[in-house]
């Protein structure tokens, strides 16, 4: 359950950062700024750890996708052995 919540938070951060990057959402809006700041505090530590070991490919950061894969791998491993 906690891994699902964290996956949702990571996915929300990813979508919001894309919307900010494509200039669809204004990051100087106070609500958007507070949301992205809170999401960054939650998501940044594991992403920074992954970014130390995995380089970006052609300016595309694959760390969030690797983190999602890792979360789902851990979730299904726990589910498999908890049966």
N, C-alpha and C. Protein backbone atom coordinates (compact mmCIF):
# COMPACT_ATOMS: atom_id res chain seq x y z
N UNK A 1 0.82 -1.19 0.00
CA UNK A 1 0.00 0.00 0.00
C UNK A 1 0.87 1.26 0.00
N UNK A 2 1.91 1.31 0.82
CA UNK A 2 2.78 2.48 0.85
C UNK A 2 3.55 2.64 -0.46
N UNK A 3 3.92 1.53 -1.06
CA UNK A 3 4.61 1.61 -2.34
C UNK A 3 3.70 2.13 -3.44
N UNK A 4 2.42 1.78 -3.37
CA UNK A 4 1.46 2.32 -4.33
C UNK A 4 1.29 3.83 -4.17
N UNK A 5 1.24 4.28 -2.93
CA UNK A 5 1.12 5.71 -2.68
C UNK A 5 2.36 6.45 -3.18
N UNK A 6 3.54 5.88 -2.92
CA UNK A 6 4.76 6.51 -3.38
C UNK A 6 4.84 6.51 -4.91
N UNK A 7 4.36 5.45 -5.55
CA UNK A 7 4.32 5.41 -7.01
C UNK A 7 3.41 6.51 -7.54
N UNK A 8 2.29 6.72 -6.90
CA UNK A 8 1.37 7.78 -7.31
C UNK A 8 2.01 9.16 -7.14
N UNK A 9 2.72 9.35 -6.02
CA UNK A 9 3.41 10.62 -5.78
C UNK A 9 4.49 10.84 -6.83
N UNK A 10 5.25 9.81 -7.15
CA UNK A 10 6.29 9.93 -8.16
C UNK A 10 5.70 10.22 -9.53
N UNK A 11 4.63 9.55 -9.88
CA UNK A 11 3.97 9.79 -11.15
C UNK A 11 3.39 11.20 -11.22
N UNK A 12 2.83 11.68 -10.12
CA UNK A 12 2.30 13.05 -10.07
C UNK A 12 3.41 14.07 -10.24
N UNK A 13 4.55 13.83 -9.59
CA UNK A 13 5.69 14.72 -9.72
C UNK A 13 6.19 14.74 -11.17
N UNK A 14 6.22 13.57 -11.78
CA UNK A 14 6.70 13.47 -13.15
C UNK A 14 5.79 14.24 -14.12
N UNK A 15 4.49 14.06 -13.99
CA UNK A 15 3.54 14.77 -14.86
C UNK A 15 3.60 16.27 -14.62
N UNK A 16 3.66 16.69 -13.36
CA UNK A 16 3.70 18.12 -13.05
C UNK A 16 4.99 18.75 -13.56
N UNK A 17 6.10 18.04 -13.45
CA UNK A 17 7.36 18.61 -13.96
C UNK A 17 7.33 18.71 -15.48
N UNK A 18 6.69 17.78 -16.16
CA UNK A 18 6.54 17.90 -17.62
C UNK A 18 5.65 19.08 -17.98
N UNK A 19 4.56 19.25 -17.25
CA UNK A 19 3.67 20.38 -17.51
C UNK A 19 4.38 21.71 -17.29
N UNK A 20 5.23 21.77 -16.28
CA UNK A 20 6.01 22.98 -16.04
C UNK A 20 7.06 23.14 -17.13
N UNK A 21 7.69 22.05 -17.52
CA UNK A 21 8.71 22.11 -18.56
C UNK A 21 8.17 22.55 -19.91
N UNK A 22 6.97 22.15 -20.24
CA UNK A 22 6.35 22.55 -21.51
C UNK A 22 5.59 23.87 -21.38
N UNK A 23 5.73 24.52 -20.24
CA UNK A 23 5.13 25.83 -19.98
C UNK A 23 3.61 25.81 -20.08
N UNK A 24 3.01 24.71 -19.69
CA UNK A 24 1.56 24.61 -19.64
C UNK A 24 1.06 25.11 -18.28
N UNK A 25 1.84 24.80 -17.25
CA UNK A 25 1.51 25.23 -15.89
C UNK A 25 2.56 26.25 -15.46
N UNK A 26 2.13 27.33 -14.87
CA UNK A 26 3.03 28.38 -14.42
C UNK A 26 3.60 28.00 -13.06
N UNK A 27 4.91 27.83 -13.00
CA UNK A 27 5.52 27.41 -11.73
C UNK A 27 5.60 28.54 -10.73
N UNK A 28 5.35 29.77 -11.15
CA UNK A 28 5.37 30.90 -10.23
C UNK A 28 4.02 31.09 -9.53
N UNK A 29 3.03 30.30 -9.89
CA UNK A 29 1.77 30.29 -9.17
C UNK A 29 2.04 29.73 -7.78
N UNK A 30 1.47 30.34 -6.77
CA UNK A 30 1.77 29.96 -5.39
C UNK A 30 1.33 28.52 -5.08
N UNK A 31 0.19 28.10 -5.58
CA UNK A 31 -0.31 26.74 -5.33
C UNK A 31 0.59 25.72 -6.03
N UNK A 32 0.91 25.98 -7.28
CA UNK A 32 1.77 25.07 -8.04
C UNK A 32 3.15 25.00 -7.40
N UNK A 33 3.66 26.14 -6.96
CA UNK A 33 4.98 26.17 -6.32
C UNK A 33 4.98 25.35 -5.03
N UNK A 34 3.94 25.47 -4.23
CA UNK A 34 3.89 24.71 -2.98
C UNK A 34 3.75 23.22 -3.24
N UNK A 35 2.99 22.85 -4.26
CA UNK A 35 2.82 21.43 -4.59
C UNK A 35 4.13 20.84 -5.11
N UNK A 36 4.79 21.53 -6.03
CA UNK A 36 6.03 20.99 -6.59
C UNK A 36 7.14 20.96 -5.54
N UNK A 37 7.14 21.91 -4.61
CA UNK A 37 8.14 21.90 -3.53
C UNK A 37 7.92 20.70 -2.61
N UNK A 38 6.68 20.44 -2.26
CA UNK A 38 6.39 19.29 -1.39
C UNK A 38 6.72 17.98 -2.10
N UNK A 39 6.38 17.88 -3.38
CA UNK A 39 6.68 16.66 -4.13
C UNK A 39 8.19 16.48 -4.30
N UNK A 40 8.92 17.57 -4.51
CA UNK A 40 10.37 17.48 -4.63
C UNK A 40 11.02 16.97 -3.35
N UNK A 41 10.50 17.40 -2.20
CA UNK A 41 11.07 16.94 -0.93
C UNK A 41 10.85 15.44 -0.72
N UNK A 42 9.78 14.91 -1.28
CA UNK A 42 9.49 13.49 -1.12
C UNK A 42 10.24 12.65 -2.15
N UNK A 43 10.35 13.16 -3.36
CA UNK A 43 10.85 12.36 -4.48
C UNK A 43 12.36 12.51 -4.69
N UNK A 44 12.92 13.65 -4.34
CA UNK A 44 14.32 13.93 -4.68
C UNK A 44 15.35 12.98 -4.05
N UNK A 45 15.26 12.58 -2.79
CA UNK A 45 16.32 11.73 -2.25
C UNK A 45 16.55 10.41 -3.00
N UNK A 46 15.51 9.63 -3.31
CA UNK A 46 15.80 8.41 -4.07
C UNK A 46 16.24 8.70 -5.50
N UNK A 47 15.71 9.76 -6.10
CA UNK A 47 16.11 10.09 -7.46
C UNK A 47 17.56 10.54 -7.52
N UNK A 48 18.00 11.31 -6.54
CA UNK A 48 19.39 11.74 -6.51
C UNK A 48 20.33 10.56 -6.34
N UNK A 49 19.93 9.57 -5.56
CA UNK A 49 20.74 8.37 -5.39
C UNK A 49 20.86 7.62 -6.71
N UNK A 50 19.78 7.50 -7.44
CA UNK A 50 19.81 6.80 -8.73
C UNK A 50 20.61 7.60 -9.75
N UNK A 51 20.47 8.92 -9.72
CA UNK A 51 21.17 9.77 -10.69
C UNK A 51 22.69 9.72 -10.51
N UNK A 52 23.15 9.38 -9.31
CA UNK A 52 24.59 9.25 -9.11
C UNK A 52 25.17 8.12 -9.93
N UNK A 53 24.40 7.06 -10.14
CA UNK A 53 24.91 5.86 -10.79
C UNK A 53 24.44 5.68 -12.23
N UNK A 54 23.37 6.33 -12.61
CA UNK A 54 22.82 6.15 -13.95
C UNK A 54 22.85 7.51 -14.67
N UNK A 55 23.59 7.59 -15.77
CA UNK A 55 23.62 8.87 -16.49
C UNK A 55 22.35 9.08 -17.30
N UNK A 56 22.10 10.33 -17.67
CA UNK A 56 20.96 10.62 -18.53
C UNK A 56 21.34 10.32 -19.97
N UNK A 57 20.36 9.95 -20.76
CA UNK A 57 20.58 9.63 -22.16
C UNK A 57 20.00 10.73 -23.03
N UNK A 58 20.88 11.44 -23.75
CA UNK A 58 20.45 12.49 -24.67
C UNK A 58 19.51 13.49 -24.01
N UNK A 59 19.93 13.98 -22.86
CA UNK A 59 19.16 14.98 -22.10
C UNK A 59 17.83 14.44 -21.56
N UNK A 60 17.65 13.14 -21.58
CA UNK A 60 16.44 12.54 -21.01
C UNK A 60 16.83 11.84 -19.72
N UNK A 61 16.20 12.25 -18.64
CA UNK A 61 16.48 11.66 -17.34
C UNK A 61 15.62 10.41 -17.16
N UNK A 62 16.27 9.27 -17.03
CA UNK A 62 15.52 8.02 -16.90
C UNK A 62 15.41 7.56 -15.46
N UNK A 63 15.92 8.35 -14.51
CA UNK A 63 15.88 7.97 -13.10
C UNK A 63 14.45 7.77 -12.59
N UNK A 64 13.46 8.62 -12.93
CA UNK A 64 12.11 8.37 -12.43
C UNK A 64 11.53 7.04 -12.92
N UNK A 65 11.83 6.70 -14.17
CA UNK A 65 11.32 5.44 -14.71
C UNK A 65 11.99 4.24 -14.04
N UNK A 66 13.28 4.37 -13.79
CA UNK A 66 13.98 3.30 -13.08
C UNK A 66 13.45 3.14 -11.66
N UNK A 67 13.14 4.26 -11.01
CA UNK A 67 12.58 4.20 -9.67
C UNK A 67 11.20 3.55 -9.68
N UNK A 68 10.38 3.86 -10.67
CA UNK A 68 9.07 3.20 -10.78
C UNK A 68 9.22 1.70 -11.00
N UNK A 69 10.15 1.31 -11.84
CA UNK A 69 10.39 -0.12 -12.07
C UNK A 69 10.87 -0.78 -10.79
N UNK A 70 11.76 -0.13 -10.06
CA UNK A 70 12.26 -0.68 -8.80
C UNK A 70 11.15 -0.81 -7.76
N UNK A 71 10.30 0.19 -7.68
CA UNK A 71 9.18 0.14 -6.72
C UNK A 71 8.26 -1.04 -7.04
N UNK A 72 7.94 -1.21 -8.30
CA UNK A 72 7.04 -2.31 -8.67
C UNK A 72 7.73 -3.67 -8.50
N UNK A 73 9.02 -3.73 -8.74
CA UNK A 73 9.75 -4.97 -8.49
C UNK A 73 9.71 -5.34 -7.01
N UNK A 74 9.95 -4.37 -6.15
CA UNK A 74 9.91 -4.62 -4.70
C UNK A 74 8.50 -4.99 -4.27
N UNK A 75 7.52 -4.31 -4.81
CA UNK A 75 6.13 -4.59 -4.44
C UNK A 75 5.73 -6.02 -4.81
N UNK A 76 6.06 -6.43 -6.02
CA UNK A 76 5.69 -7.78 -6.43
C UNK A 76 6.53 -8.85 -5.76
N UNK A 77 7.75 -8.53 -5.41
CA UNK A 77 8.58 -9.47 -4.65
C UNK A 77 8.00 -9.67 -3.26
N UNK A 78 7.61 -8.60 -2.61
CA UNK A 78 6.99 -8.71 -1.29
C UNK A 78 5.68 -9.50 -1.39
N UNK A 79 4.89 -9.20 -2.42
CA UNK A 79 3.63 -9.91 -2.60
C UNK A 79 3.86 -11.39 -2.84
N UNK A 80 4.88 -11.73 -3.62
CA UNK A 80 5.16 -13.13 -3.94
C UNK A 80 5.59 -13.91 -2.69
N UNK A 81 6.46 -13.32 -1.88
CA UNK A 81 6.95 -14.04 -0.71
C UNK A 81 6.03 -13.93 0.51
N UNK A 82 5.06 -13.06 0.46
CA UNK A 82 4.13 -12.93 1.59
C UNK A 82 2.95 -13.87 1.48
N UNK A 83 2.85 -14.58 0.37
CA UNK A 83 1.73 -15.52 0.20
C UNK A 83 1.77 -16.62 1.21
